[in-house]
Each structure stands twice: as structure tokens, then as C-alpha cells.
Amino acid sequence: MAQQSTSEEIGSQGDQSTLTLIHPWPYLEEFFEMVGCKNSSFRMRCKLCAPKYHELMAFKNSPSNLKKHIEKKHSTHLEKYTQLTSAALKRKSSTEVSLAPSSKQTKLWETRRVSQASVDKVVLQFIVQGLHPPHIVQQQGFIELVQHLQPNTNVMTRNTVVNKVTKASVDMKSKLKAVLSETEFIATTTDCWTAHRRSFIGVTAHWFNPQTMQRSCAALACKQLKGSHNFSTLAGALNDIHTEFNIREKIVRTTTDNGSNFLKAFRVYGQTDKNNNPEPVGEGDGEEDDGGQNDDYDEEEESVEGVEFVDTGALLDENDYLEYQLPKHHRCACHLLNLVSTVDASKAEVNPLYKRLSRSTFAKCSSLWNKSSRSTTASEVIEHHCKLQLVRPVATRWNSLFSAVERIVRITREQGEGALAAVCSELDTPKFTPVELAFLAEYAKTMSPVAKALDVLQGETSVQMGWLVPTITLLRTKLQHLHVASKFCEPLIAALLSGLEKRFGEMLADPEMIAAAILVPKFKTCWTSDKNILKLGLDYIRSHLDCQAESHISEGSQSSEEEDFFCSLKKTSHLETTQQLDAYLGCPGDTVEVTNGGGLGLGDLDQEQWPPAEQPELCNEKSTALLGTEGRGSSCPSALSYPEPTEISTSEEEHSALSHQPSVAEIKHWTHAIFNINHLIILAKF
């Protein structure tokens, strides 16, 4: 019997040596190591008994023998053992796998049941997110799919889907209205198009969270637009959408393409702005002032002799362009830049030499592009010789011509001129001359800054209004540098520069646009060396800071109307706003953290976080960092390693001013002052 048990044990050891041992109680690996299995027990080795080898047996359904061993041999570790076992019982989950076989096999009808409401919710999400038609729930294949995955469930009918989608739409719209009601500034974009013989208009809204400085966006409308796309129809549709969401007074600007219907709609019904190219509408239609000459007439004479009978029908029919109210308009910069690279660039052909060379070159390119797109055999030939396929330009796709030319230049550079010549020979198309290939290379080099600028401006996440002026300014500078060394494309560069000036000239001189660029921490004032341009933007910022500081003082004071009227005469207002702006410009940071969470952050100035009575040193440090930077080695407000006030004071008054403990009212004032900077940066991001 002893020999038989020994052989069984050896056999079990041999079987276990070929298997990967899994600890049945992973939380006890600190104390015990699994050695193997024997019959219905686990063989465990105690690590605490080392260097002595001590092996014990534990039943597969309970580690009680292990606990008894700890109690007898290692009582000092009993508390730790108890903690491990109790914690394991609390976090027990379905992922824990027991080595013991299940005593009961899971039946098919014991699987997890899903409620009918959950199935309806998932089906609704599938339809909405995939833009599927409601009648998809009536397809037999869809019904069988749902019932196969979850038997004994029903699929919604088409009418139920329509009702649920409508209700979800109403709920989402109400939530969006609640969010927009708490938002102070909103920018919108608008476009209209035609598809399947029907016209549509779409409007999106964009805004920034003042605390997180994160961009949010939502679609306000995507609905059918009946009638012709004239300016009055577009103005009426936009006015209805703005009124529905109650955001008419909150919209900073509305961006559209350069269609004549949109331009006229905002020129007639929108707010006057340089970028709108306003034209006088209905001049002379109003009544002229009589200069008060009839003021001496008494009421009786006015009622008899001064009455002029006017046809009321004519007055009602007269169009005074006051029925709609639209916000300021902004032309899409990407669309303008695309017009520069296409329409304005074509004007370079007024030069006969450039016209002959460009037309000859692009005619040969067009023949290659047509061959590659219309014949699979041609595509195989091109790929065989060039190792790449050609890119065919599309008139409605921005940068497509540049991408197509760049691909030809890349093939010539990587595979040599012989590869392109072989393709032309095999496809029976005209071959490129060395001059034409040099022209294509210079054309790609010339248009590369334009294409990159267009890619920058059409970014989805990080691009704001403040990027426009620096981007166009830098693009103009790059083109001017290329003009010096250009051999073939001088007329093209001149046409591009002329187009930039014509389409962006007023924007580049707009103080609001310049201020937006300065208030982007990435740019500040480093994007131009023209002091006059920077002065326009800085003056614009200072004027708005002064106005906001004045409004804050009038709102926060409990004084009389007379004191509120003269509150703008306070001596420190302009100095304080100048110091705020200088501190922002002097900070070396190039991200939004400079004004949010850093030395200029609102959270740092929150009086509830560090009231003067509880944390006086921190208050004083923050106030010293913000109150004036004269006499300090650094003007960066986020660098709070300033000298002590006694080291920089020259008089007792200055020392007392710098070491002054700020009050709650002063902290509120500076909190609002820094909020003004953040407030303007939010505007700049639009």
C-alpha cells in the first residue's frame, strides 16, 4: 500500500510538472507557494518556514489548514493573514476562477437576461449613431439578429422608433438650451447646400468653458430650406434659429463662405463691420429733420394745418431691412485662402512667358492624370515605374492641385526623371522637358506655404480667431522671401501677394483681429515686428480692460448714482489694467495655462481657497506677484520668486504698500481683473 501511494504521488508530480500551476488563493502567495495537487487537496509550501522546506496539504474548497499552520508556527503573521483573507472576500468578483469543478452545469435558460427597455435603448442608439432609416426595424434580417442575440424580446415598430427619436431630440435640445443660457459668448457657422433636389441649411455653435478653456460645439439646426437661396430667405432662417435658442445677443460672429447670398444677407441685416464690406442700403428713405422750425406751432395748428395724409399701404410695403437682425459676419478664412490659391493665382498668366510655360506643363500633367483615372492598365504602368500612384486634382477639394503636383515632383526626386519619361512613353503622352520639370518643382515650393497655411486654418481643435492674422502675416513673409530666389514663378508669387492683400487686407489691420492674436499665448507679440500693428491691438485690449473694470466697480459698489457716474475717474484703473497686460505679455509660457491654473489663473485668486485670515503669506505672495512688476527681475506673474519687499522698497510708503495684507475686497478686485484677461482670451479664440 505504501508503495502504491508513493507511485501515485510520483505520478501526480510528473503530471503537474508539465502543467502551469495556478495558485488557488492568489492573495496568500506572500505566505504559501503551490507545489502540486494530490487527490482532492493542494500541496502547499510555507515560505515563512524557509530555509526549512515545510509542505502541507490544504483542501481544494478551503484554506483552513493553512490558517492553522499560521496560528501554530507563525502567530506574529496571523493579523496580516486575516487582513488578506478578509480583503479577498470583499473584492470577490466573477473574474476569479476556481480550480475546483463546478458542481452544477450552467443551463441555457440560466444565462443573463436583458430587459426589453435595454434592448430598445441599444436599438435606438444604433439607428441614431449610424443614421439608419427608421424602417430598418421592419427588415426580417434585423429582427432575426436581435431575437437571436436575445430571445424572447420584441423589436420596436417603425412608429415607435420615430416617436422615441423625436422625444430624444426634444430632450437633447432642451439640455442644449440650458447650456447655452449659461454661456456668455457664442460663435456660429452657417452653410447651405443642395442634395437630392432639396435645399438644406446647417448651423453650428461653438463656445468655450471659461474655467477649463475647453472648446465645446453643438449642431443647432440641419433642416430643409424651402424656396430659392436668396439673401432674405437665408436671413429669415438664421433669425428663426437664433431666436429658437435665445442666443441672438450672445453671438460674437457668424462665419460663412463667400457666397453672394450670404454676403448680402449680412450686409443688409447684419451689424456694420469692416469685414462685411457694407454698402449703404435705403439711403434717403428716412424723413429729414426739420431743425426744430415747427416747434412754435401750437397743438391746434399742428392738428389741422400740419397734417400730411400718407398712404399707409405704401408704408407697409416699403422695405426698410429691419425685419431681421443678424450678428457680425466673418468670411471663412480657409475659403478666402482657397480663392487666393485658385482665382487670384490664375491672374499670374497675364505674364506671357509664365502663361506659356504653365499651360504647357499642366496640359501634360492633365493628360497623365486623365489616363491614370480612366484606365486600370495605366494605373498599373504608373505604379510599376514610379512605385507610387498619381494624385488627381479635384476642383472642389482644397490643396488638391498642390498635392497632385507635389506627387509628380516626389516621383521625379525619388525615382528619377527616367521613370516619368518611361510612363509617358508607354502611355503615349507628351514627355516633360527639363524646364517643365523645374517649373513643377518651383511651383510646388511656391505653393507649399499656402497649402500649409490652409491646413493650419482649417484645423478642428486648436485653431481660434487669434491664429488668422499671424498665419496670413507669416505666409506673406514666406512668399516675399521666395520672390527673391524665384526663377519661373515670380508672376505667381506677385499674384498670390496681391490676392492676400485684396482678401485679407482689412482683416490684417482690424484692431479686434490683432488683439485676438496677441491674446493667444502662443503668439502674443512675436508674430510681427510692425509696432503700429501691435499698438492697434494693445490699445484695443487696454480699452476693453478699462471698460470692464469700470463696469465691475459700478456693479460691485453700493454707492449712489452720482458716485457710480464718476467711478471711471479712479486714478489706479488705467495703471492696473496696464500692469495686467504687461504681466501677461512678459510671461514666457506659450499655452493657455498661463492664464488658467498658473500665476494668472482664476483659481489662484479665489478668496475661498486662501482667505487672508487663514493663509496670509500666500495671499501676500499672490498679491505681490500681480500688483506691479516695476523694480523686479522678472515680469512673469507665474514666477513667484520675487525679492522681499524690504529689498526693493525705497521709502516707508512703498514698503508698507508692498507688504500690505490684501483684504477680501482687494482680492475680489484682482480676481475680476485677471478674469478680464481670461475673458478677452475667450473672445480671441472665436
Foldseek 3Di string as FASTA:
>chain_A
DVVVLVVLVVVQQVVVVVDDDDDQQVLCPVFWDWRGDDDQWTWIWGPVPPPDTDIDIAGQVDRVVVLVCCVPPPVVCNVVVVVSVVVCVVPDDPVRDRPDDDPDDDDPVNDDADDLVVVQVVVLCCCVVVVHQLCVLVDPVVQVVSCVVHPPYGTDHSVVSVVVVVVVVVVVLVVVLVVLVPAQAKEKEKDWDDDPNWIWIWMKIWFADLFVRFIDMDTQDIDTQDDDLAQVSVLVVVQVSCVVSVCQVRYAEYEYAPDPRPLVNCLLAEDDDPLSVHDDDPPPVDDDDPPCPCVPDDPVCCVPVVDDDDDVVVVVPDDPSHPGHHYHYDYQPLNLLQCLLPVLLVVLVVPVVLVVLVVVLVVLLVVLLVCCVPDPVLQVLLCVLQVDGAQHADPPDGCSVLRRLVSVLVSCVPRNLVSQVVSCVVVVTDGDDPVSSVVSVLVSVLCVLSSVLSVQSPDDGDAFLLVPLLSLLVNLVVLVVSCVVDDNCVSSSVSSNVSCCVNCVVVNQDLLNLLLNLLQLQRNPPSDPDVVSNVSNVVVLLVLLLVLLLVVVLVPDPDDPVCNVCVSVDPCSSVLLVLLSQQSSQANDRHCCLCHVALNHLVLLDCVVPPCVRHQVSQLLSCLLRVDDPQWPGSHSRPSPTDQLVVRDDDPVSSCVSNPRDHPVVSVSSSSSSSSSSVSNSVSRD
